[in-house]
Amino acid sequence: MRFFPRPILLAVLIAVSTASGAMASRPAKRVAPSEPSVPDSLRGRSGQLRAAVLLPAASDSEATDLGSDADPRQPRMPALWSMADSGTGGLFHFIELIPFAEKQDGRVGAYAVGRFPGERRNSRHREWGVPQGFIALTPEMLSLPVSSHLTLGDFASLRDQRDVWPRALVLDLRLVDKLELILAALRDSGHVAPRLKVLSGFRTPSVTLRNARTASAPDSRHQYGDAADVIVDANGDGRMDDLNRDGRVDLNDARYLVRIVLAVEAAYPDLIGGIGVYRATGAAGPFVHVDARGERARWGVQ
């Protein structure tokens, strides 16, 4: 994941805003009254990213000041900066992370996360260690766009601990960038304005090890926020579309999507990762695993 230290964020805000009140105070969100243009470097390879993440400054006393009435079981609420962006006509968001070091006894605040593979044993690769931080996800933030076609809620795990908020979310924006490139490639192949539905995004280590199916992959990239199980769902019916237009939905449609993903990886080798094909396990039909782990991995692909 590409992280932006606080000084870089401040430099960007100062450079693109002519208003003195461009920065938001914690935890409220404030929009810059002017309409600057966010630098293209923040929009990803797809040009469609609408958010960036950053680590808090270690010396920021405000970051650790919860107040005398704060619940010690709850993580502090990091800042969220939102800026009007003349380049898109919408908003661009800067999301401050909760540092990984604030995870205690397998929890971020009251939200149970578990232990990442890098905590359980030595990791063979630096990217397989532990994430650098967590997004503090509230119900209001589920609809926050991280790209032109995807929101934070698309990647959130909402099936467990349903009454616990804020939740801890790990999301690598390289994955979001890659999914937007896949959408663009689908449109280029003749599928007009397809909708990419994320069936499963971030999964905590505790959920990964507890589920009989996912426990067989204890190093799953879903734990690191750079993996998603997806289908193409242009009409929003929750099912994989008939991508090859043969009148039925089957593994051949998943393989069609795989060819699109392979083309994206060939064009953008810095976003290479895992690709896996799965048979239908529910109403959604067959689906494809896509990740941006930084090295090639394939399974179920013919």
Protein backbone atom coordinates (compact mmCIF):
# COMPACT_ATOMS: atom_id res chain seq x y z
CA MET A 1 0.00 0.00 0.00
CA ARG A 2 1.23 3.51 -0.70
CA PHE A 3 1.17 5.53 2.51
CA PHE A 4 1.52 9.30 2.68
CA PRO A 5 3.21 10.74 5.79
CA ARG A 6 1.50 13.76 7.33
CA PRO A 7 4.01 16.33 5.93
CA ILE A 8 3.31 15.17 2.38
CA LEU A 9 -0.43 15.50 2.92
CA LEU A 10 -0.03 19.01 4.29
CA ALA A 11 2.12 19.99 1.33
CA VAL A 12 -0.55 18.69 -1.06
CA LEU A 13 -3.33 20.52 0.74
CA ILE A 14 -1.40 23.77 0.77
CA ALA A 15 -0.39 23.42 -2.86
CA VAL A 16 -3.85 22.73 -4.24
CA SER A 17 -5.99 24.87 -1.97
CA THR A 18 -6.27 28.64 -1.88
CA ALA A 19 -8.36 28.53 1.28
CA SER A 20 -6.85 28.72 4.75
CA GLY A 21 -9.47 26.33 6.14
CA ALA A 22 -8.67 23.41 3.85
CA MET A 23 -7.75 20.94 6.60
CA ALA A 24 -10.38 19.15 8.64
CA SER A 25 -10.33 18.93 12.40
CA ARG A 26 -10.61 15.52 14.03
CA PRO A 27 -13.00 13.73 13.82
CA ALA A 28 -15.31 15.90 11.72
CA LYS A 29 -14.99 16.14 7.96
CA ARG A 30 -14.59 19.57 6.37
CA VAL A 31 -14.58 20.33 2.67
CA ALA A 32 -12.31 22.95 1.17
CA PRO A 33 -14.48 25.86 0.02
CA SER A 34 -12.42 26.32 -3.13
CA GLU A 35 -12.30 23.76 -5.93
CA PRO A 36 -8.64 22.86 -6.47
CA SER A 37 -7.46 20.00 -8.61
CA VAL A 38 -5.91 16.99 -6.87
CA PRO A 39 -2.54 15.96 -8.39
CA ASP A 40 -2.79 13.17 -10.94
CA SER A 41 -0.19 11.18 -8.98
CA LEU A 42 -2.82 10.52 -6.31
CA ARG A 43 -5.35 9.10 -8.76
CA GLY A 44 -3.51 5.82 -9.40
CA ARG A 45 -2.71 4.09 -12.66
CA SER A 46 -6.41 4.03 -13.51
CA GLY A 47 -6.90 7.72 -12.86
CA GLN A 48 -10.00 6.71 -10.88
CA LEU A 49 -8.82 6.73 -7.25
CA ARG A 50 -10.74 9.16 -5.06
CA ALA A 51 -8.91 8.57 -1.77
CA ALA A 52 -5.44 8.29 -0.25
CA VAL A 53 -4.38 6.89 3.12
CA LEU A 54 -1.77 8.24 5.47
CA LEU A 55 -0.18 7.36 8.78
CA PRO A 56 -0.58 9.78 11.68
CA ALA A 57 2.36 11.77 12.95
CA ALA A 58 3.85 10.05 16.00
CA SER A 59 4.29 13.39 17.76
CA ASP A 60 0.74 14.54 17.16
CA SER A 61 -0.61 14.92 20.68
CA GLU A 62 -4.09 15.47 19.31
CA ALA A 63 -4.00 11.97 17.84
CA THR A 64 -3.83 10.35 21.27
CA ASP A 65 -6.04 12.77 23.18
CA LEU A 66 -9.30 10.91 23.61
CA GLY A 67 -10.61 13.15 26.37
CA SER A 68 -11.44 12.26 29.94
CA ASP A 69 -14.78 10.70 29.01
CA ALA A 70 -13.41 8.47 26.22
CA ASP A 71 -14.14 4.75 26.29
CA PRO A 72 -10.74 2.99 26.49
CA ARG A 73 -12.19 0.04 24.57
CA GLN A 74 -12.75 2.23 21.52
CA PRO A 75 -9.97 3.25 19.14
CA ARG A 76 -9.45 6.95 18.65
CA MET A 77 -11.14 8.35 15.56
CA PRO A 78 -8.48 9.44 13.06
CA ALA A 79 -8.99 12.45 10.87
CA LEU A 80 -10.72 12.42 7.51
CA TRP A 81 -9.92 15.27 5.12
CA SER A 82 -12.18 15.79 2.11
CA MET A 83 -11.45 18.26 -0.66
CA ALA A 84 -13.55 19.52 -3.52
CA ASP A 85 -11.74 18.49 -6.70
CA SER A 86 -12.30 20.43 -9.88
CA GLY A 87 -10.68 17.60 -11.85
CA THR A 88 -13.61 15.26 -11.18
CA GLY A 89 -16.33 17.57 -9.93
CA GLY A 90 -16.49 15.49 -6.75
CA LEU A 91 -14.50 15.02 -3.57
CA PHE A 92 -11.10 13.54 -2.89
CA HIS A 93 -10.59 12.01 0.55
CA PHE A 94 -7.49 11.65 2.73
CA ILE A 95 -8.00 8.94 5.35
CA GLU A 96 -5.74 8.79 8.38
CA LEU A 97 -5.04 5.28 9.67
CA ILE A 98 -4.94 3.84 13.17
CA PRO A 99 -1.36 2.55 13.53
CA PHE A 100 -0.99 -1.23 13.76
CA ALA A 101 0.69 -0.78 17.16
CA GLU A 102 -2.67 0.22 18.63
CA LYS A 103 -3.96 -3.33 18.16
CA GLN A 104 -3.87 -4.92 21.61
CA ASP A 105 -4.75 -8.51 22.57
CA GLY A 106 -5.99 -9.15 19.05
CA ARG A 107 -8.38 -6.18 19.08
CA VAL A 108 -8.54 -2.69 17.68
CA GLY A 109 -10.69 -1.04 20.29
CA ALA A 110 -13.62 -3.40 20.82
CA TYR A 111 -13.33 -4.93 17.36
CA ALA A 112 -11.75 -8.41 17.33
CA VAL A 113 -9.17 -8.80 14.58
CA GLY A 114 -6.95 -11.70 15.64
CA ARG A 115 -3.30 -12.30 14.83
CA PHE A 116 -1.87 -11.80 11.36
CA PRO A 117 0.42 -14.42 9.79
CA GLY A 118 3.41 -12.17 10.41
CA GLU A 119 2.61 -12.20 14.13
CA ARG A 120 2.30 -15.97 14.27
CA ARG A 121 5.63 -16.79 12.59
CA ASN A 122 8.43 -15.32 10.53
CA SER A 123 7.19 -14.10 7.18
CA ARG A 124 8.92 -15.14 3.96
CA HIS A 125 8.15 -11.80 2.39
CA ARG A 126 7.84 -8.31 3.82
CA GLU A 127 4.38 -7.93 2.30
CA TRP A 128 3.23 -10.99 4.26
CA GLY A 129 4.01 -9.50 7.65
CA VAL A 130 1.47 -7.15 9.21
CA PRO A 131 -0.45 -4.18 7.80
CA GLN A 132 0.76 -0.73 8.78
CA GLY A 133 -2.61 0.42 10.00
CA PHE A 134 -6.39 0.24 10.01
CA ILE A 135 -9.19 2.43 8.73
CA ALA A 136 -11.62 3.15 11.57
CA LEU A 137 -14.85 2.33 9.75
CA THR A 138 -18.13 3.81 10.97
CA PRO A 139 -21.58 3.20 9.42
CA GLU A 140 -21.45 6.66 7.87
CA MET A 141 -18.19 5.85 6.09
CA LEU A 142 -19.51 2.75 4.29
CA SER A 143 -20.62 4.91 1.37
CA LEU A 144 -17.39 6.91 1.17
CA PRO A 145 -15.96 6.55 -2.37
CA VAL A 146 -12.39 5.30 -2.65
CA SER A 147 -12.62 5.34 -6.45
CA SER A 148 -15.10 6.27 -9.15
CA HIS A 149 -16.98 2.97 -8.84
CA LEU A 150 -16.07 1.54 -5.40
CA THR A 151 -16.68 2.54 -1.79
CA LEU A 152 -15.20 1.55 1.56
CA GLY A 153 -18.33 -0.52 2.17
CA ASP A 154 -17.57 -2.69 -0.86
CA PHE A 155 -14.51 -4.07 0.94
CA ALA A 156 -15.83 -4.23 4.51
CA SER A 157 -16.54 -7.45 6.39
CA LEU A 158 -20.00 -6.95 7.88
CA ARG A 159 -21.14 -10.47 8.71
CA ASP A 160 -19.48 -10.79 12.11
CA GLN A 161 -19.52 -8.48 15.14
CA ARG A 162 -22.44 -6.63 13.59
CA ASP A 163 -23.01 -4.40 16.59
CA VAL A 164 -19.36 -3.36 17.00
CA TRP A 165 -18.42 0.08 15.65
CA PRO A 166 -16.06 1.44 14.59
CA ARG A 167 -14.74 -1.59 12.74
CA ALA A 168 -11.11 -2.00 11.72
CA LEU A 169 -10.67 -2.20 7.94
CA VAL A 170 -7.49 -2.93 6.03
CA LEU A 171 -7.59 -1.74 2.42
CA ASP A 172 -4.72 -1.49 -0.05
CA LEU A 173 -5.53 1.10 -2.70
CA ARG A 174 -3.43 -0.80 -5.23
CA LEU A 175 -6.26 -3.34 -5.28
CA VAL A 176 -8.83 -0.60 -5.85
CA ASP A 177 -6.70 0.80 -8.66
CA LYS A 178 -6.42 -2.65 -10.25
CA LEU A 179 -10.18 -3.22 -10.08
CA GLU A 180 -10.80 0.12 -11.78
CA LEU A 181 -8.38 -0.88 -14.55
CA ILE A 182 -10.27 -4.16 -14.94
CA LEU A 183 -13.53 -2.23 -15.29
CA ALA A 184 -11.98 -0.03 -17.98
CA ALA A 185 -10.66 -3.09 -19.84
CA LEU A 186 -14.12 -4.67 -19.69
CA ARG A 187 -15.63 -1.58 -21.24
CA ASP A 188 -12.99 -1.66 -23.95
CA SER A 189 -13.94 -5.28 -24.67
CA GLY A 190 -17.54 -4.27 -25.36
CA HIS A 191 -19.20 -4.62 -21.96
CA VAL A 192 -20.76 -1.19 -21.55
CA ALA A 193 -20.53 0.31 -18.06
CA PRO A 194 -20.18 -3.01 -16.23
CA ARG A 195 -20.57 -3.13 -12.49
CA LEU A 196 -17.91 -5.00 -10.54
CA LYS A 197 -19.37 -6.52 -7.37
CA VAL A 198 -17.03 -7.45 -4.52
CA LEU A 199 -18.29 -10.66 -2.91
CA SER A 200 -15.53 -10.70 -0.30
CA GLY A 201 -12.92 -8.07 0.44
CA PHE A 202 -11.12 -7.68 3.75
CA ARG A 203 -11.34 -10.63 6.14
CA THR A 204 -9.81 -10.49 9.60
CA PRO A 205 -7.34 -13.21 10.59
CA SER A 206 -9.81 -14.46 13.21
CA VAL A 207 -12.56 -14.90 10.59
CA THR A 208 -10.07 -16.51 8.18
CA LEU A 209 -9.03 -19.17 10.69
CA ARG A 210 -12.54 -19.76 12.03
CA ASN A 211 -14.19 -20.44 8.67
CA ALA A 212 -13.77 -24.02 7.45
CA ARG A 213 -13.25 -22.95 3.82
CA THR A 214 -10.85 -20.09 4.38
CA ALA A 215 -8.90 -21.81 7.18
CA SER A 216 -7.21 -23.88 4.48
CA ALA A 217 -5.51 -20.66 3.35
CA PRO A 218 -4.12 -19.16 6.60
CA ASP A 219 -1.93 -16.75 4.60
CA SER A 220 -4.90 -15.42 2.62
CA ARG A 221 -4.27 -12.01 1.08
CA HIS A 222 -7.79 -10.97 2.12
CA GLN A 223 -6.27 -10.33 5.56
CA TYR A 224 -4.04 -7.65 4.06
CA GLY A 225 -6.76 -5.77 2.22
CA ASP A 226 -5.24 -6.31 -1.22
CA ALA A 227 -7.55 -9.14 -2.37
CA ALA A 228 -11.15 -9.37 -3.52
CA ASP A 229 -13.46 -12.07 -4.86
CA VAL A 230 -15.41 -10.41 -7.64
CA ILE A 231 -18.06 -10.89 -10.29
CA VAL A 232 -19.13 -8.64 -13.14
CA ASP A 233 -22.67 -7.53 -12.34
CA ALA A 234 -23.81 -4.86 -14.79
CA ASN A 235 -27.52 -5.10 -13.98
CA GLY A 236 -27.11 -5.31 -10.21
CA ASP A 237 -28.90 -8.64 -9.78
CA GLY A 238 -26.09 -10.05 -7.63
CA ARG A 239 -25.08 -12.69 -10.19
CA MET A 240 -22.16 -13.05 -12.58
CA ASP A 241 -23.05 -11.75 -16.03
CA ASP A 242 -22.97 -13.81 -19.21
CA LEU A 243 -19.68 -12.29 -20.31
CA ASN A 244 -19.04 -14.54 -23.30
CA ARG A 245 -22.65 -14.18 -24.45
CA ASP A 246 -23.32 -17.90 -24.90
CA GLY A 247 -26.68 -17.76 -23.15
CA ARG A 248 -25.60 -19.26 -19.82
CA VAL A 249 -23.51 -18.36 -16.79
CA ASP A 250 -20.74 -20.83 -15.99
CA LEU A 251 -17.00 -21.13 -15.51
CA ASN A 252 -16.38 -19.87 -19.03
CA ASP A 253 -17.60 -16.45 -17.92
CA ALA A 254 -15.15 -16.48 -15.01
CA ARG A 255 -12.40 -17.45 -17.46
CA TYR A 256 -13.40 -14.54 -19.69
CA LEU A 257 -12.88 -12.24 -16.72
CA VAL A 258 -9.51 -13.90 -16.04
CA ARG A 259 -8.36 -12.98 -19.56
CA ILE A 260 -9.26 -9.37 -18.80
CA VAL A 261 -7.28 -9.46 -15.55
CA LEU A 262 -4.29 -11.01 -17.31
CA ALA A 263 -4.36 -8.21 -19.89
CA VAL A 264 -4.39 -5.61 -17.11
CA GLU A 265 -1.42 -7.26 -15.39
CA ALA A 266 0.47 -7.37 -18.68
CA ALA A 267 -0.08 -3.66 -19.15
CA TYR A 268 0.61 -2.78 -15.50
CA PRO A 269 3.16 -5.27 -14.12
CA ASP A 270 3.52 -3.26 -10.91
CA LEU A 271 -0.01 -4.42 -10.02
CA ILE A 272 0.65 -8.12 -10.59
CA GLY A 273 -0.82 -10.53 -8.08
CA GLY A 274 -2.95 -13.59 -7.58
CA ILE A 275 -5.74 -14.80 -9.87
CA GLY A 276 -8.01 -17.68 -8.90
CA VAL A 277 -11.18 -19.15 -10.40
CA TYR A 278 -13.94 -20.62 -8.22
CA ARG A 279 -17.04 -22.58 -9.12
CA ALA A 280 -20.40 -21.28 -8.00
CA THR A 281 -20.86 -21.56 -4.24
CA GLY A 282 -24.10 -19.62 -4.09
CA ALA A 283 -26.51 -17.48 -6.07
CA ALA A 284 -23.70 -15.20 -7.31
CA GLY A 285 -22.38 -17.95 -9.61
CA PRO A 286 -18.70 -18.52 -10.43
CA PHE A 287 -16.31 -15.81 -9.32
CA VAL A 288 -12.70 -14.70 -9.66
CA HIS A 289 -10.17 -13.90 -6.95
CA VAL A 290 -8.01 -10.88 -7.76
CA ASP A 291 -5.20 -9.51 -5.63
CA ALA A 292 -2.27 -7.11 -5.85
CA ARG A 293 0.27 -8.97 -3.72
CA GLY A 294 3.19 -7.96 -5.94
CA GLU A 295 4.07 -11.43 -7.20
CA ARG A 296 2.44 -13.88 -9.58
CA ALA A 297 0.10 -16.57 -8.22
CA ARG A 298 -2.48 -18.67 -10.12
CA TRP A 299 -4.98 -21.35 -9.17
CA GLY A 300 -7.99 -22.82 -10.92
CA VAL A 301 -6.98 -20.96 -14.08
CA GLN A 302 -6.89 -22.96 -17.30
